[in-house]
C-alpha atoms as a PDB file:
ATOM      1  CA  UNK A   1      -5.021   9.305  24.289  1.00  0.00           C
ATOM      2  CA  UNK A   2      -2.066   9.046  21.936  1.00  0.00           C
ATOM      3  CA  UNK A   3       0.692   6.511  22.099  1.00  0.00           C
ATOM      4  CA  UNK A   4       3.999   6.781  20.339  1.00  0.00           C
ATOM      5  CA  UNK A   5       6.346   4.077  19.250  1.00  0.00           C
ATOM      6  CA  UNK A   6       9.209   3.558  16.861  1.00  0.00           C
ATOM      7  CA  UNK A   7       7.841   0.237  15.639  1.00  0.00           C
ATOM      8  CA  UNK A   8       6.503  -0.271  12.143  1.00  0.00           C
ATOM      9  CA  UNK A   9       3.018   1.310  12.219  1.00  0.00           C
ATOM     10  CA  UNK A  10       1.609  -0.840   9.400  1.00  0.00           C
ATOM     11  CA  UNK A  11       2.672  -4.333  10.444  1.00  0.00           C
ATOM     12  CA  UNK A  12       0.305  -6.340  12.637  1.00  0.00           C
ATOM     13  CA  UNK A  13       1.561  -8.940  15.094  1.00  0.00           C
ATOM     14  CA  UNK A  14      -1.209 -11.461  14.504  1.00  0.00           C
ATOM     15  CA  UNK A  15      -1.094 -15.260  14.478  1.00  0.00           C
ATOM     16  CA  UNK A  16      -0.938 -15.568  10.704  1.00  0.00           C
ATOM     17  CA  UNK A  17       0.943 -18.154   8.679  1.00  0.00           C
ATOM     18  CA  UNK A  18       2.082 -15.329   6.379  1.00  0.00           C
ATOM     19  CA  UNK A  19       4.103 -13.677   9.152  1.00  0.00           C
ATOM     20  CA  UNK A  20       6.771 -16.396   9.130  1.00  0.00           C
ATOM     21  CA  UNK A  21       7.135 -16.740   5.346  1.00  0.00           C
ATOM     22  CA  UNK A  22      10.323 -15.603   3.647  1.00  0.00           C
ATOM     23  CA  UNK A  23       9.905 -11.852   3.006  1.00  0.00           C
ATOM     24  CA  UNK A  24      11.415 -12.101  -0.483  1.00  0.00           C
ATOM     25  CA  UNK A  25       8.669 -14.587  -1.374  1.00  0.00           C
ATOM     26  CA  UNK A  26       5.979 -12.240  -0.076  1.00  0.00           C
ATOM     27  CA  UNK A  27       7.391  -9.243  -1.951  1.00  0.00           C
ATOM     28  CA  UNK A  28       7.809 -11.146  -5.214  1.00  0.00           C
ATOM     29  CA  UNK A  29       4.372 -12.769  -4.943  1.00  0.00           C
ATOM     30  CA  UNK A  30       2.726  -9.401  -4.277  1.00  0.00           C
ATOM     31  CA  UNK A  31       4.488  -7.855  -7.272  1.00  0.00           C
ATOM     32  CA  UNK A  32       3.561 -10.683  -9.661  1.00  0.00           C
ATOM     33  CA  UNK A  33      -0.074 -10.886  -8.531  1.00  0.00           C
ATOM     34  CA  UNK A  34      -0.512  -7.111  -8.829  1.00  0.00           C
ATOM     35  CA  UNK A  35       1.004  -7.214 -12.335  1.00  0.00           C
ATOM     36  CA  UNK A  36      -1.391 -10.029 -13.283  1.00  0.00           C
ATOM     37  CA  UNK A  37      -4.337  -8.005 -11.995  1.00  0.00           C
ATOM     38  CA  UNK A  38      -3.171  -4.851 -13.787  1.00  0.00           C
ATOM     39  CA  UNK A  39      -3.064  -6.624 -17.166  1.00  0.00           C
ATOM     40  CA  UNK A  40      -6.231  -8.670 -16.665  1.00  0.00           C
ATOM     41  CA  UNK A  41      -9.327  -8.233 -18.830  1.00  0.00           C
ATOM     42  CA  UNK A  42     -12.260  -7.027 -16.743  1.00  0.00           C
ATOM     43  CA  UNK A  43     -14.708  -8.277 -19.391  1.00  0.00           C
ATOM     44  CA  UNK A  44     -13.534 -11.830 -18.762  1.00  0.00           C
ATOM     45  CA  UNK A  45     -15.553 -13.305 -15.880  1.00  0.00           C
ATOM     46  CA  UNK A  46     -13.066 -16.152 -15.418  1.00  0.00           C
ATOM     47  CA  UNK A  47     -10.243 -13.689 -14.796  1.00  0.00           C
ATOM     48  CA  UNK A  48     -12.367 -11.543 -12.489  1.00  0.00           C
ATOM     49  CA  UNK A  49     -13.476 -14.372 -10.230  1.00  0.00           C
ATOM     50  CA  UNK A  50     -10.073 -16.090 -10.305  1.00  0.00           C
ATOM     51  CA  UNK A  51      -8.244 -12.987  -9.106  1.00  0.00           C
ATOM     52  CA  UNK A  52     -10.950 -12.214  -6.551  1.00  0.00           C
ATOM     53  CA  UNK A  53     -10.585 -15.702  -5.066  1.00  0.00           C
ATOM     54  CA  UNK A  54      -6.767 -15.502  -5.058  1.00  0.00           C
ATOM     55  CA  UNK A  55      -6.555 -12.055  -3.453  1.00  0.00           C
ATOM     56  CA  UNK A  56      -9.257 -12.528  -0.859  1.00  0.00           C
ATOM     57  CA  UNK A  57      -7.954 -15.972   0.093  1.00  0.00           C
ATOM     58  CA  UNK A  58      -4.579 -14.351   0.802  1.00  0.00           C
ATOM     59  CA  UNK A  59      -6.398 -11.601   2.739  1.00  0.00           C
ATOM     60  CA  UNK A  60      -8.275 -14.237   4.750  1.00  0.00           C
ATOM     61  CA  UNK A  61      -5.031 -16.104   5.472  1.00  0.00           C
ATOM     62  CA  UNK A  62      -3.371 -12.911   6.722  1.00  0.00           C
ATOM     63  CA  UNK A  63      -5.971 -12.626   9.526  1.00  0.00           C
ATOM     64  CA  UNK A  64      -6.120  -8.839   9.235  1.00  0.00           C
ATOM     65  CA  UNK A  65      -9.079  -7.530  11.292  1.00  0.00           C
ATOM     66  CA  UNK A  66     -11.923  -6.308   9.079  1.00  0.00           C
ATOM     67  CA  UNK A  67     -11.940  -2.885  10.730  1.00  0.00           C
ATOM     68  CA  UNK A  68      -8.220  -2.433  10.061  1.00  0.00           C
ATOM     69  CA  UNK A  69      -8.564  -3.611   6.466  1.00  0.00           C
ATOM     70  CA  UNK A  70     -11.386  -1.219   5.563  1.00  0.00           C
ATOM     71  CA  UNK A  71      -9.668   1.647   7.362  1.00  0.00           C
ATOM     72  CA  UNK A  72      -6.522   1.157   5.289  1.00  0.00           C
ATOM     73  CA  UNK A  73      -8.576   0.608   2.149  1.00  0.00           C
ATOM     74  CA  UNK A  74      -9.738   4.228   2.469  1.00  0.00           C
ATOM     75  CA  UNK A  75      -6.691   5.166   0.387  1.00  0.00           C
ATOM     76  CA  UNK A  76      -8.802   3.803  -2.476  1.00  0.00           C
ATOM     77  CA  UNK A  77     -11.402   6.594  -2.132  1.00  0.00           C
ATOM     78  CA  UNK A  78      -9.875   9.141  -4.614  1.00  0.00           C
ATOM     79  CA  UNK A  79      -9.792   6.442  -7.323  1.00  0.00           C
ATOM     80  CA  UNK A  80     -13.407   5.507  -6.562  1.00  0.00           C
ATOM     81  CA  UNK A  81     -14.547   9.116  -6.860  1.00  0.00           C
ATOM     82  CA  UNK A  82     -12.715   9.515 -10.165  1.00  0.00           C
ATOM     83  CA  UNK A  83     -14.098   6.223 -11.521  1.00  0.00           C
ATOM     84  CA  UNK A  84     -17.706   7.148 -10.731  1.00  0.00           C
ATOM     85  CA  UNK A  85     -17.578   9.972 -13.301  1.00  0.00           C
ATOM     86  CA  UNK A  86     -16.292   7.795 -16.157  1.00  0.00           C
ATOM     87  CA  UNK A  87     -19.657   6.314 -17.299  1.00  0.00           C
ATOM     88  CA  UNK A  88     -20.804   9.847 -18.148  1.00  0.00           C
ATOM     89  CA  UNK A  89     -17.699  11.161 -19.916  1.00  0.00           C
ATOM     90  CA  UNK A  90     -15.846   8.170 -21.414  1.00  0.00           C
ATOM     91  CA  UNK A  91     -17.250   6.861 -24.685  1.00  0.00           C
ATOM     92  CA  UNK A  92     -16.059   5.126 -27.832  1.00  0.00           C
ATOM     93  CA  UNK A  93     -18.063   5.489 -31.049  1.00  0.00           C
ATOM     94  CA  UNK A  94     -20.878   7.011 -28.971  1.00  0.00           C
ATOM     95  CA  UNK A  95     -21.739   3.626 -27.381  1.00  0.00           C
ATOM     96  CA  UNK A  96     -24.717   4.965 -25.446  1.00  0.00           C
ATOM     97  CA  UNK A  97     -26.318   2.522 -23.016  1.00  0.00           C
ATOM     98  CA  UNK A  98     -28.888   4.548 -21.102  1.00  0.00           C
ATOM     99  CA  UNK A  99     -30.166   8.093 -20.689  1.00  0.00           C
ATOM    100  CA  UNK A 100     -31.343   9.229 -17.277  1.00  0.00           C
ATOM    101  CA  UNK A 101     -32.911  12.711 -17.043  1.00  0.00           C
ATOM    102  CA  UNK A 102     -30.814  13.843 -19.975  1.00  0.00           C
ATOM    103  CA  UNK A 103     -27.594  12.359 -18.565  1.00  0.00           C
ATOM    104  CA  UNK A 104     -25.989   9.880 -20.958  1.00  0.00           C
ATOM    105  CA  UNK A 105     -24.324   6.700 -19.704  1.00  0.00           C
ATOM    106  CA  UNK A 106     -21.767   5.040 -22.020  1.00  0.00           C
ATOM    107  CA  UNK A 107     -20.691   1.405 -22.151  1.00  0.00           C
ATOM    108  CA  UNK A 108     -16.987   2.255 -22.460  1.00  0.00           C
ATOM    109  CA  UNK A 109     -17.231   4.429 -19.363  1.00  0.00           C
ATOM    110  CA  UNK A 110     -18.887   1.640 -17.387  1.00  0.00           C
ATOM    111  CA  UNK A 111     -16.121  -0.792 -18.352  1.00  0.00           C
ATOM    112  CA  UNK A 112     -13.425   1.762 -17.463  1.00  0.00           C
ATOM    113  CA  UNK A 113     -15.113   2.440 -14.132  1.00  0.00           C
ATOM    114  CA  UNK A 114     -15.263  -1.241 -13.225  1.00  0.00           C
ATOM    115  CA  UNK A 115     -11.673  -1.744 -14.425  1.00  0.00           C
ATOM    116  CA  UNK A 116     -10.355   0.972 -12.112  1.00  0.00           C
ATOM    117  CA  UNK A 117     -12.432  -0.161  -9.127  1.00  0.00           C
ATOM    118  CA  UNK A 118     -11.468  -3.818  -9.630  1.00  0.00           C
ATOM    119  CA  UNK A 119      -7.743  -3.377 -10.267  1.00  0.00           C
ATOM    120  CA  UNK A 120      -7.069  -0.619  -7.745  1.00  0.00           C
ATOM    121  CA  UNK A 121      -9.021  -2.323  -4.955  1.00  0.00           C
ATOM    122  CA  UNK A 122      -7.285  -5.683  -5.428  1.00  0.00           C
ATOM    123  CA  UNK A 123      -3.881  -4.037  -5.871  1.00  0.00           C
ATOM    124  CA  UNK A 124      -4.285  -1.967  -2.703  1.00  0.00           C
ATOM    125  CA  UNK A 125      -5.507  -5.075  -0.878  1.00  0.00           C
ATOM    126  CA  UNK A 126      -2.292  -6.910  -1.771  1.00  0.00           C
ATOM    127  CA  UNK A 127      -0.281  -3.936  -0.541  1.00  0.00           C
ATOM    128  CA  UNK A 128      -2.232  -3.895   2.729  1.00  0.00           C
ATOM    129  CA  UNK A 129      -1.559  -7.586   3.261  1.00  0.00           C
ATOM    130  CA  UNK A 130       2.166  -7.248   2.512  1.00  0.00           C
ATOM    131  CA  UNK A 131       2.703  -4.342   4.911  1.00  0.00           C
ATOM    132  CA  UNK A 132       0.534  -5.951   7.605  1.00  0.00           C
ATOM    133  CA  UNK A 133       2.404  -9.277   7.723  1.00  0.00           C
ATOM    134  CA  UNK A 134       5.926  -7.934   7.065  1.00  0.00           C
ATOM    135  CA  UNK A 135       7.879  -5.614   9.348  1.00  0.00           C
ATOM    136  CA  UNK A 136      10.103  -2.858   7.966  1.00  0.00           C
ATOM    137  CA  UNK A 137      13.282  -4.823   8.727  1.00  0.00           C
ATOM    138  CA  UNK A 138      11.841  -7.866   6.956  1.00  0.00           C
ATOM    139  CA  UNK A 139      10.994  -5.737   3.920  1.00  0.00           C
ATOM    140  CA  UNK A 140      14.594  -4.543   3.701  1.00  0.00           C
ATOM    141  CA  UNK A 141      15.872  -8.081   4.215  1.00  0.00           C
ATOM    142  CA  UNK A 142      13.585  -9.349   1.440  1.00  0.00           C
ATOM    143  CA  UNK A 143      14.721  -6.641  -0.974  1.00  0.00           C
ATOM    144  CA  UNK A 144      18.335  -7.579  -0.296  1.00  0.00           C
ATOM    145  CA  UNK A 145      17.555 -11.225  -1.032  1.00  0.00           C
ATOM    146  CA  UNK A 146      15.988 -10.122  -4.332  1.00  0.00           C
ATOM    147  CA  UNK A 147      19.319  -8.429  -5.201  1.00  0.00           C
ATOM    148  CA  UNK A 148      18.010  -4.899  -5.617  1.00  0.00           C
ATOM    149  CA  UNK A 149      20.684  -2.152  -5.827  1.00  0.00           C
ATOM    150  CA  UNK A 150      21.937  -1.168  -2.371  1.00  0.00           C
ATOM    151  CA  UNK A 151      21.257   2.542  -2.905  1.00  0.00           C
ATOM    152  CA  UNK A 152      17.572   1.830  -3.638  1.00  0.00           C
ATOM    153  CA  UNK A 153      17.328  -0.396  -0.566  1.00  0.00           C
ATOM    154  CA  UNK A 154      18.941   2.312   1.595  1.00  0.00           C
ATOM    155  CA  UNK A 155      16.551   5.004   0.329  1.00  0.00           C
ATOM    156  CA  UNK A 156      13.508   2.767   0.886  1.00  0.00           C
ATOM    157  CA  UNK A 157      14.645   1.714   4.363  1.00  0.00           C
ATOM    158  CA  UNK A 158      15.135   5.312   5.503  1.00  0.00           C
ATOM    159  CA  UNK A 159      11.790   6.286   3.967  1.00  0.00           C
ATOM    160  CA  UNK A 160       9.965   3.519   5.845  1.00  0.00           C
ATOM    161  CA  UNK A 161      11.798   4.352   9.062  1.00  0.00           C
ATOM    162  CA  UNK A 162      11.168   8.089   8.976  1.00  0.00           C
ATOM    163  CA  UNK A 163       7.527   7.796   7.996  1.00  0.00           C
ATOM    164  CA  UNK A 164       7.113   6.091  11.369  1.00  0.00           C
ATOM    165  CA  UNK A 165       9.185   8.797  13.080  1.00  0.00           C
ATOM    166  CA  UNK A 166       7.093  11.516  11.394  1.00  0.00           C
ATOM    167  CA  UNK A 167       3.856   9.871  12.598  1.00  0.00           C
ATOM    168  CA  UNK A 168       5.166   9.722  16.165  1.00  0.00           C
ATOM    169  CA  UNK A 169       6.319  13.339  15.987  1.00  0.00           C
ATOM    170  CA  UNK A 170       2.938  14.463  14.663  1.00  0.00           C
ATOM    171  CA  UNK A 171       1.180  12.727  17.564  1.00  0.00           C
ATOM    172  CA  UNK A 172       3.422  14.519  20.052  1.00  0.00           C
ATOM    173  CA  UNK A 173       2.748  17.867  18.359  1.00  0.00           C
ATOM    174  CA  UNK A 174      -1.016  17.318  18.606  1.00  0.00           C
ATOM    175  CA  UNK A 175      -0.720  16.415  22.291  1.00  0.00           C
ATOM    176  CA  UNK A 176       1.323  19.579  22.874  1.00  0.00           C
ATOM    177  CA  UNK A 177      -1.182  21.743  20.977  1.00  0.00           C
ATOM    178  CA  UNK A 178      -4.156  20.302  22.888  1.00  0.00           C
ATOM    179  CA  UNK A 179      -2.406  20.898  26.216  1.00  0.00           C
ATOM    180  CA  UNK A 180      -2.254  24.579  25.199  1.00  0.00           C
ATOM    181  CA  UNK A 181      -5.968  24.794  24.418  1.00  0.00           C
ATOM    182  CA  UNK A 182      -6.057  23.837  20.742  1.00  0.00           C
ATOM    183  CA  UNK A 183      -9.372  22.356  19.582  1.00  0.00           C
ATOM    184  CA  UNK A 184     -10.168  20.862  16.195  1.00  0.00           C
ATOM    185  CA  UNK A 185     -13.171  22.962  15.196  1.00  0.00           C
ATOM    186  CA  UNK A 186     -13.817  23.013  11.468  1.00  0.00           C
ATOM    187  CA  UNK A 187     -11.834  25.278   9.168  1.00  0.00           C
ATOM    188  CA  UNK A 188     -10.547  27.436  12.038  1.00  0.00           C
ATOM    189  CA  UNK A 189      -8.451  24.531  13.239  1.00  0.00           C
ATOM    190  CA  UNK A 190      -6.621  24.209   9.917  1.00  0.00           C
ATOM    191  CA  UNK A 191      -4.475  27.337  10.291  1.00  0.00           C
ATOM    192  CA  UNK A 192      -2.582  26.300  13.462  1.00  0.00           C
ATOM    193  CA  UNK A 193      -2.302  22.773  12.055  1.00  0.00           C
ATOM    194  CA  UNK A 194      -0.735  24.200   8.873  1.00  0.00           C
ATOM    195  CA  UNK A 195       1.807  26.154  10.977  1.00  0.00           C
ATOM    196  CA  UNK A 196       2.619  23.013  12.956  1.00  0.00           C
ATOM    197  CA  UNK A 197       3.038  20.961   9.750  1.00  0.00           C
ATOM    198  CA  UNK A 198       5.415  23.566   8.315  1.00  0.00           C
ATOM    199  CA  UNK A 199       7.490  23.546  11.483  1.00  0.00           C
ATOM    200  CA  UNK A 200       7.598  19.740  11.384  1.00  0.00           C
ATOM    201  CA  UNK A 201       8.882  19.763   7.806  1.00  0.00           C
ATOM    202  CA  UNK A 202      11.699  22.126   8.736  1.00  0.00           C
ATOM    203  CA  UNK A 203      12.567  20.059  11.789  1.00  0.00           C
ATOM    204  CA  UNK A 204      12.454  16.915   9.674  1.00  0.00           C
ATOM    205  CA  UNK A 205      14.894  18.399   7.151  1.00  0.00           C
ATOM    206  CA  UNK A 206      17.268  19.469   9.923  1.00  0.00           C
ATOM    207  CA  UNK A 207      17.036  16.044  11.580  1.00  0.00           C
ATOM    208  CA  UNK A 208      17.792  14.379   8.243  1.00  0.00           C
ATOM    209  CA  UNK A 209      20.930  16.490   7.844  1.00  0.00           C
ATOM    210  CA  UNK A 210      22.114  15.602  11.355  1.00  0.00           C
ATOM    211  CA  UNK A 211      21.442  11.881  10.841  1.00  0.00           C
ATOM    212  CA  UNK A 212      23.250  11.916   7.481  1.00  0.00           C
ATOM    213  CA  UNK A 213      26.331  13.639   8.896  1.00  0.00           C
ATOM    214  CA  UNK A 214      26.318  11.278  11.864  1.00  0.00           C
ATOM    215  CA  UNK A 215      26.170   8.225   9.587  1.00  0.00           C
ATOM    216  CA  UNK A 216      28.945   9.525   7.348  1.00  0.00           C
ATOM    217  CA  UNK A 217      31.144  10.136  10.393  1.00  0.00           C
ATOM    218  CA  UNK A 218      30.606   6.487  11.377  1.00  0.00           C
ATOM    219  CA  UNK A 219      31.688   5.144   7.992  1.00  0.00           C
ATOM    220  CA  UNK A 220      28.324   4.536   6.294  1.00  0.00           C
ATOM    221  CA  UNK A 221      28.953   3.599   2.654  1.00  0.00           C
ATOM    222  CA  UNK A 222      25.374   3.202   1.394  1.00  0.00           C
ATOM    223  CA  UNK A 223      25.083  -0.489   2.233  1.00  0.00           C
ATOM    224  CA  UNK A 224      22.817  -1.801   4.999  1.00  0.00           C
ATOM    225  CA  UNK A 225      24.029  -5.086   6.476  1.00  0.00           C
ATOM    226  CA  UNK A 226      21.443  -7.394   8.029  1.00  0.00           C
ATOM    227  CA  UNK A 227      22.034 -10.725   9.711  1.00  0.00           C
ATOM    228  CA  UNK A 228      20.805 -13.921   8.095  1.00  0.00           C
ATOM    229  CA  UNK A 229      17.361 -14.933   9.298  1.00  0.00           C
ATOM    230  CA  UNK A 230      15.364 -18.119   9.112  1.00  0.00           C
ATOM    231  CA  UNK A 231      11.882 -18.135   7.565  1.00  0.00           C
ATOM    232  CA  UNK A 232       9.470 -20.744   6.240  1.00  0.00           C
ATOM    233  CA  UNK A 233       8.519 -21.526   2.661  1.00  0.00           C
ATOM    234  CA  UNK A 234       4.884 -21.303   1.616  1.00  0.00           C
ATOM    235  CA  UNK A 235       3.791 -23.717  -1.129  1.00  0.00           C
ATOM    236  CA  UNK A 236       0.268 -22.284  -1.016  1.00  0.00           C
ATOM    237  CA  UNK A 237       1.465 -18.709  -1.669  1.00  0.00           C
ATOM    238  CA  UNK A 238       3.685 -19.934  -4.512  1.00  0.00           C
ATOM    239  CA  UNK A 239       0.734 -21.874  -5.941  1.00  0.00           C
ATOM    240  CA  UNK A 240      -1.583 -18.832  -5.797  1.00  0.00           C
ATOM    241  CA  UNK A 241       1.043 -16.646  -7.466  1.00  0.00           C
ATOM    242  CA  UNK A 242       1.582 -19.135 -10.286  1.00  0.00           C
ATOM    243  CA  UNK A 243      -2.199 -19.540 -10.639  1.00  0.00           C
ATOM    244  CA  UNK A 244      -2.603 -15.767 -11.007  1.00  0.00           C
ATOM    245  CA  UNK A 245       0.000 -15.675 -13.795  1.00  0.00           C
ATOM    246  CA  UNK A 246      -1.530 -18.721 -15.541  1.00  0.00           C
ATOM    247  CA  UNK A 247      -4.980 -17.099 -15.471  1.00  0.00           C
ATOM    248  CA  UNK A 248      -3.541 -14.062 -17.243  1.00  0.00           C
ATOM    249  CA  UNK A 249      -1.627 -16.130 -19.818  1.00  0.00           C
ATOM    250  CA  UNK A 250      -4.633 -18.326 -20.613  1.00  0.00           C
ATOM    251  CA  UNK A 251      -6.698 -15.267 -21.475  1.00  0.00           C
ATOM    252  CA  UNK A 252      -3.979 -13.566 -23.532  1.00  0.00           C
ATOM    253  CA  UNK A 253      -3.180 -16.606 -25.659  1.00  0.00           C
ATOM    254  CA  UNK A 254      -6.490 -18.459 -25.745  1.00  0.00           C
END
């Protein structure tokens, strides 16, 4: 049974303290923590455990159900598959560690593999938390508070909005196809799905043109105006963000 809605498909309406925090704080904190993780040294155990504690404490505070978290973390799979090959192909000065049935394992490759798994997983986790505790309107509101250019905010807001519309439309198409006898049976089911996807892209382009012309006719000038909203501050989130940056600085200049 499929349900359709025009709400934000990623946000979760859970009883989390992060839901009522100022969206600009959540966006900025996510950005800074991800940057700290990206530049961290995976050979430094202090950095590894510090960032693990910071990220997973924020994840715990968000109260995202475990099933939902791991389902959304599946976007990490292509990076995992790529990383698993690195110990066998990435080497520096032939730093061989082990040979298993003629297959050579290199130290540089192992470090690169762990670096990708560590940084991508924590970075994606922060993205999951941000989108789960922040609605699409709140994201736009937060970007405006951070003084991003209006054209960028407009593009991002329409992208977020029409991803949701596309998901709803795809659900309706699948319901329509199943009512006409369509069954998902292996590779044979890909051809009609490909035709349906192509038709959806064309319809999406045409809908975009109609929406654009409609907005222009109503005086849209590229600026999205949102009413002022009241949110709470979060000293704990600010503390964790500062701690993440300090951990990085201590390693770089120690």
